Amino acid sequence: MDTYEEKMKEFLQTNNIQGQHLSFNQSCHSVEEAAQAANASPQEFVKNICMIDSDGNLIVAIVKGEDRASTSRVEKALNIERPRTATPEEILEKTGYPCGGTPSFGYQAKFLIDPRVMEMDIVYTGGGSENSLVKISAKELQQKNHGEIVRVRK
């Protein structure tokens, strides 16, 4: 298990998060790969789209796996200039996790959760590395990241 996965497992334990960390021998970078690895439906997955505002702050738009995040909706929701998508280097620097394994919590950011995510009971999110996931209830995810529920999908 890599150091990012260890860090996520420790975060789950330390913060008493009711989620299950899952490690695989295959990539979970895309929703399709993750669904295959977890033997689950692609509809059960969320994506964490990392964006940077004009002040350099991290914003994470959490959408269902089949949806795309909209920078203009994030702009309107937060009443800010339109954010830009973060680079893989910025994602690692600001979250402490690599792009493709970024979880929906566990670091400093403004979290925006699309309402469609909250319609699901259980979701799969990044587990810290490209080969891991966290299975968690949507409610628990929202409580732990203090996410604002607002439409951010295109």
C-alpha atoms as a PDB file:
ATOM      1  CA  MET A   1       0.000   0.000   0.000  1.00  0.00           C
ATOM      2  CA  ASP A   2       1.406   3.392  -0.888  1.00  0.00           C
ATOM      3  CA  THR A   3       1.936   6.338   1.464  1.00  0.00           C
ATOM      4  CA  TYR A   4      -1.094   8.241   0.105  1.00  0.00           C
ATOM      5  CA  GLU A   5      -3.356   5.289   0.878  1.00  0.00           C
ATOM      6  CA  GLU A   6      -1.844   5.005   4.374  1.00  0.00           C
ATOM      7  CA  LYS A   7      -2.486   8.720   4.901  1.00  0.00           C
ATOM      8  CA  MET A   8      -6.152   8.317   3.863  1.00  0.00           C
ATOM      9  CA  LYS A   9      -6.677   5.252   6.072  1.00  0.00           C
ATOM     10  CA  GLU A  10      -5.186   7.121   9.017  1.00  0.00           C
ATOM     11  CA  PHE A  11      -7.422  10.137   8.297  1.00  0.00           C
ATOM     12  CA  LEU A  12     -10.521   7.904   8.243  1.00  0.00           C
ATOM     13  CA  GLN A  13      -9.565   6.358  11.607  1.00  0.00           C
ATOM     14  CA  THR A  14      -8.434   9.541  13.348  1.00  0.00           C
ATOM     15  CA  ASN A  15     -11.587  11.426  12.347  1.00  0.00           C
ATOM     16  CA  ASN A  16     -13.957   8.518  13.033  1.00  0.00           C
ATOM     17  CA  ILE A  17     -15.251   8.552   9.469  1.00  0.00           C
ATOM     18  CA  GLN A  18     -17.647   5.725   8.708  1.00  0.00           C
ATOM     19  CA  GLY A  19     -16.132   4.789   5.377  1.00  0.00           C
ATOM     20  CA  GLN A  20     -14.409   1.737   3.978  1.00  0.00           C
ATOM     21  CA  HIS A  21     -10.985   2.102   2.336  1.00  0.00           C
ATOM     22  CA  LEU A  22     -10.501  -0.266  -0.619  1.00  0.00           C
ATOM     23  CA  SER A  23      -7.169  -0.998  -2.350  1.00  0.00           C
ATOM     24  CA  PHE A  24      -6.860  -2.697  -5.723  1.00  0.00           C
ATOM     25  CA  ASN A  25      -4.131  -4.062  -7.990  1.00  0.00           C
ATOM     26  CA  GLN A  26      -5.522  -2.057 -10.894  1.00  0.00           C
ATOM     27  CA  SER A  27      -6.116   1.588 -11.710  1.00  0.00           C
ATOM     28  CA  CYS A  28      -9.199   3.407 -10.436  1.00  0.00           C
ATOM     29  CA  HIS A  29      -8.297   6.646 -12.234  1.00  0.00           C
ATOM     30  CA  SER A  30     -11.386   6.737 -14.456  1.00  0.00           C
ATOM     31  CA  VAL A  31     -14.937   5.984 -13.356  1.00  0.00           C
ATOM     32  CA  GLU A  32     -15.002   2.977 -15.706  1.00  0.00           C
ATOM     33  CA  GLU A  33     -11.775   1.538 -14.262  1.00  0.00           C
ATOM     34  CA  ALA A  34     -12.959   2.188 -10.708  1.00  0.00           C
ATOM     35  CA  ALA A  35     -16.331   0.530 -11.304  1.00  0.00           C
ATOM     36  CA  GLN A  36     -14.619  -2.523 -12.751  1.00  0.00           C
ATOM     37  CA  ALA A  37     -12.147  -2.729  -9.843  1.00  0.00           C
ATOM     38  CA  ALA A  38     -14.872  -2.364  -7.191  1.00  0.00           C
ATOM     39  CA  ASN A  39     -17.361  -4.563  -9.051  1.00  0.00           C
ATOM     40  CA  ALA A  40     -19.882  -1.730  -8.778  1.00  0.00           C
ATOM     41  CA  SER A  41     -22.029   0.375 -11.086  1.00  0.00           C
ATOM     42  CA  PRO A  42     -20.479   3.532 -12.600  1.00  0.00           C
ATOM     43  CA  GLN A  43     -23.536   5.394 -11.251  1.00  0.00           C
ATOM     44  CA  GLU A  44     -22.245   4.846  -7.680  1.00  0.00           C
ATOM     45  CA  PHE A  45     -19.095   6.936  -8.213  1.00  0.00           C
ATOM     46  CA  VAL A  46     -18.319  10.587  -7.627  1.00  0.00           C
ATOM     47  CA  LYS A  47     -15.580  12.696  -9.165  1.00  0.00           C
ATOM     48  CA  ASN A  48     -13.722  15.458  -7.361  1.00  0.00           C
ATOM     49  CA  ILE A  49     -12.969  18.266  -9.799  1.00  0.00           C
ATOM     50  CA  CYS A  50     -10.312  20.529  -8.319  1.00  0.00           C
ATOM     51  CA  MET A  51     -10.400  24.203  -9.262  1.00  0.00           C
ATOM     52  CA  ILE A  52      -8.388  27.261  -8.260  1.00  0.00           C
ATOM     53  CA  ASP A  53      -9.948  30.688  -7.643  1.00  0.00           C
ATOM     54  CA  SER A  54      -8.279  34.032  -8.432  1.00  0.00           C
ATOM     55  CA  ASP A  55      -6.756  34.108  -4.919  1.00  0.00           C
ATOM     56  CA  GLY A  56      -5.190  30.663  -5.330  1.00  0.00           C
ATOM     57  CA  ASN A  57      -7.710  28.894  -3.070  1.00  0.00           C
ATOM     58  CA  LEU A  58      -8.797  25.323  -3.756  1.00  0.00           C
ATOM     59  CA  ILE A  59     -12.417  24.598  -4.674  1.00  0.00           C
ATOM     60  CA  VAL A  60     -13.574  20.997  -5.100  1.00  0.00           C
ATOM     61  CA  ALA A  61     -16.717  20.355  -7.135  1.00  0.00           C
ATOM     62  CA  ILE A  62     -18.082  16.895  -6.336  1.00  0.00           C
ATOM     63  CA  VAL A  63     -20.274  15.466  -9.079  1.00  0.00           C
ATOM     64  CA  LYS A  64     -21.581  12.040 -10.031  1.00  0.00           C
ATOM     65  CA  GLY A  65     -19.201  10.018 -12.174  1.00  0.00           C
ATOM     66  CA  GLU A  66     -21.148  10.544 -15.390  1.00  0.00           C
ATOM     67  CA  ASP A  67     -21.524  14.311 -14.854  1.00  0.00           C
ATOM     68  CA  ARG A  68     -19.132  17.139 -15.647  1.00  0.00           C
ATOM     69  CA  ALA A  69     -18.451  20.096 -13.370  1.00  0.00           C
ATOM     70  CA  SER A  70     -19.152  23.602 -14.651  1.00  0.00           C
ATOM     71  CA  THR A  71     -16.732  26.421 -13.796  1.00  0.00           C
ATOM     72  CA  SER A  72     -19.475  28.953 -14.608  1.00  0.00           C
ATOM     73  CA  ARG A  73     -21.861  27.315 -12.100  1.00  0.00           C
ATOM     74  CA  VAL A  74     -19.097  27.383  -9.468  1.00  0.00           C
ATOM     75  CA  GLU A  75     -18.499  31.048 -10.336  1.00  0.00           C
ATOM     76  CA  LYS A  76     -22.198  31.837  -9.785  1.00  0.00           C
ATOM     77  CA  ALA A  77     -22.563  29.680  -6.652  1.00  0.00           C
ATOM     78  CA  LEU A  78     -19.642  31.369  -4.899  1.00  0.00           C
ATOM     79  CA  ASN A  79     -20.063  34.804  -6.493  1.00  0.00           C
ATOM     80  CA  ILE A  80     -16.426  34.844  -7.593  1.00  0.00           C
ATOM     81  CA  GLU A  81     -14.482  35.191 -10.821  1.00  0.00           C
ATOM     82  CA  ARG A  82     -14.632  31.988 -12.851  1.00  0.00           C
ATOM     83  CA  PRO A  83     -12.167  29.478 -11.366  1.00  0.00           C
ATOM     84  CA  ARG A  84      -9.796  27.453 -13.502  1.00  0.00           C
ATOM     85  CA  THR A  85      -9.130  23.723 -13.375  1.00  0.00           C
ATOM     86  CA  ALA A  86      -6.178  22.864 -11.139  1.00  0.00           C
ATOM     87  CA  THR A  87      -3.088  21.241 -12.634  1.00  0.00           C
ATOM     88  CA  PRO A  88      -1.989  17.799 -11.384  1.00  0.00           C
ATOM     89  CA  GLU A  89       0.909  19.510  -9.567  1.00  0.00           C
ATOM     90  CA  GLU A  90      -1.463  21.961  -7.835  1.00  0.00           C
ATOM     91  CA  ILE A  91      -3.795  19.110  -6.871  1.00  0.00           C
ATOM     92  CA  LEU A  92      -0.957  17.224  -5.181  1.00  0.00           C
ATOM     93  CA  GLU A  93       0.344  20.383  -3.499  1.00  0.00           C
ATOM     94  CA  LYS A  94      -3.054  21.588  -2.193  1.00  0.00           C
ATOM     95  CA  THR A  95      -4.706  18.258  -1.306  1.00  0.00           C
ATOM     96  CA  GLY A  96      -1.710  16.107  -0.444  1.00  0.00           C
ATOM     97  CA  TYR A  97      -3.045  13.470  -2.852  1.00  0.00           C
ATOM     98  CA  PRO A  98      -2.285  12.762  -6.522  1.00  0.00           C
ATOM     99  CA  CYS A  99      -4.692  13.522  -9.344  1.00  0.00           C
ATOM    100  CA  GLY A 100      -6.726  10.365  -9.999  1.00  0.00           C
ATOM    101  CA  GLY A 101      -6.841   9.377  -6.334  1.00  0.00           C
ATOM    102  CA  THR A 102      -8.050  12.606  -4.764  1.00  0.00           C
ATOM    103  CA  PRO A 103     -10.634  11.966  -2.030  1.00  0.00           C
ATOM    104  CA  SER A 104     -13.715  14.114  -1.313  1.00  0.00           C
ATOM    105  CA  PHE A 105     -12.376  15.197   2.109  1.00  0.00           C
ATOM    106  CA  GLY A 106      -9.245  15.269   4.237  1.00  0.00           C
ATOM    107  CA  TYR A 107      -7.673  18.583   3.256  1.00  0.00           C
ATOM    108  CA  GLN A 108      -8.413  22.319   3.246  1.00  0.00           C
ATOM    109  CA  ALA A 109     -10.768  23.358   0.433  1.00  0.00           C
ATOM    110  CA  LYS A 110     -14.198  24.796  -0.311  1.00  0.00           C
ATOM    111  CA  PHE A 111     -16.298  21.729  -1.132  1.00  0.00           C
ATOM    112  CA  LEU A 112     -19.348  22.049  -3.400  1.00  0.00           C
ATOM    113  CA  ILE A 113     -21.530  18.958  -3.730  1.00  0.00           C
ATOM    114  CA  ASP A 114     -23.958  18.606  -6.603  1.00  0.00           C
ATOM    115  CA  PRO A 115     -27.493  17.685  -5.404  1.00  0.00           C
ATOM    116  CA  ARG A 116     -27.465  14.528  -7.570  1.00  0.00           C
ATOM    117  CA  VAL A 117     -24.660  13.182  -5.351  1.00  0.00           C
ATOM    118  CA  MET A 118     -26.881  13.581  -2.284  1.00  0.00           C
ATOM    119  CA  GLU A 119     -29.632  11.491  -3.932  1.00  0.00           C
ATOM    120  CA  MET A 120     -27.415   8.431  -3.492  1.00  0.00           C
ATOM    121  CA  ASP A 121     -27.062   6.463  -0.264  1.00  0.00           C
ATOM    122  CA  ILE A 122     -23.539   5.138  -0.808  1.00  0.00           C
ATOM    123  CA  VAL A 123     -20.844   6.573  -3.067  1.00  0.00           C
ATOM    124  CA  TYR A 124     -17.307   5.660  -4.034  1.00  0.00           C
ATOM    125  CA  THR A 125     -14.697   8.423  -4.043  1.00  0.00           C
ATOM    126  CA  GLY A 126     -10.926   8.601  -4.408  1.00  0.00           C
ATOM    127  CA  GLY A 127      -9.006   6.650  -1.788  1.00  0.00           C
ATOM    128  CA  GLY A 128      -5.738   8.563  -1.920  1.00  0.00           C
ATOM    129  CA  SER A 129      -4.068   6.839  -4.873  1.00  0.00           C
ATOM    130  CA  GLU A 130      -4.991   5.773  -8.390  1.00  0.00           C
ATOM    131  CA  ASN A 131      -5.472   2.217  -7.072  1.00  0.00           C
ATOM    132  CA  SER A 132      -7.789   2.913  -4.142  1.00  0.00           C
ATOM    133  CA  LEU A 133     -11.282   4.091  -3.274  1.00  0.00           C
ATOM    134  CA  VAL A 134     -13.326   5.017  -0.229  1.00  0.00           C
ATOM    135  CA  LYS A 135     -16.870   3.657   0.010  1.00  0.00           C
ATOM    136  CA  ILE A 136     -18.927   6.060   2.135  1.00  0.00           C
ATOM    137  CA  SER A 137     -22.476   7.339   2.593  1.00  0.00           C
ATOM    138  CA  ALA A 138     -23.189  10.609   0.787  1.00  0.00           C
ATOM    139  CA  LYS A 139     -24.443  12.082   4.081  1.00  0.00           C
ATOM    140  CA  GLU A 140     -21.224  11.164   5.918  1.00  0.00           C
ATOM    141  CA  LEU A 141     -19.152  12.607   3.079  1.00  0.00           C
ATOM    142  CA  GLN A 142     -21.056  15.906   3.255  1.00  0.00           C
ATOM    143  CA  GLN A 143     -20.798  16.071   7.062  1.00  0.00           C
ATOM    144  CA  LYS A 144     -17.047  15.425   7.044  1.00  0.00           C
ATOM    145  CA  ASN A 145     -16.126  17.958   4.355  1.00  0.00           C
ATOM    146  CA  HIS A 146     -18.778  20.529   5.383  1.00  0.00           C
ATOM    147  CA  GLY A 147     -19.762  20.664   1.734  1.00  0.00           C
ATOM    148  CA  GLU A 148     -22.271  23.131   0.403  1.00  0.00           C
ATOM    149  CA  ILE A 149     -24.977  21.451  -1.667  1.00  0.00           C
ATOM    150  CA  VAL A 150     -25.323  23.442  -4.864  1.00  0.00           C
ATOM    151  CA  ARG A 151     -25.712  22.568  -8.532  1.00  0.00           C
ATOM    152  CA  VAL A 152     -22.251  22.474 -10.077  1.00  0.00           C
ATOM    153  CA  ARG A 153     -22.806  19.987 -12.911  1.00  0.00           C
ATOM    154  CA  LYS A 154     -23.101  21.116 -16.524  1.00  0.00           C
END
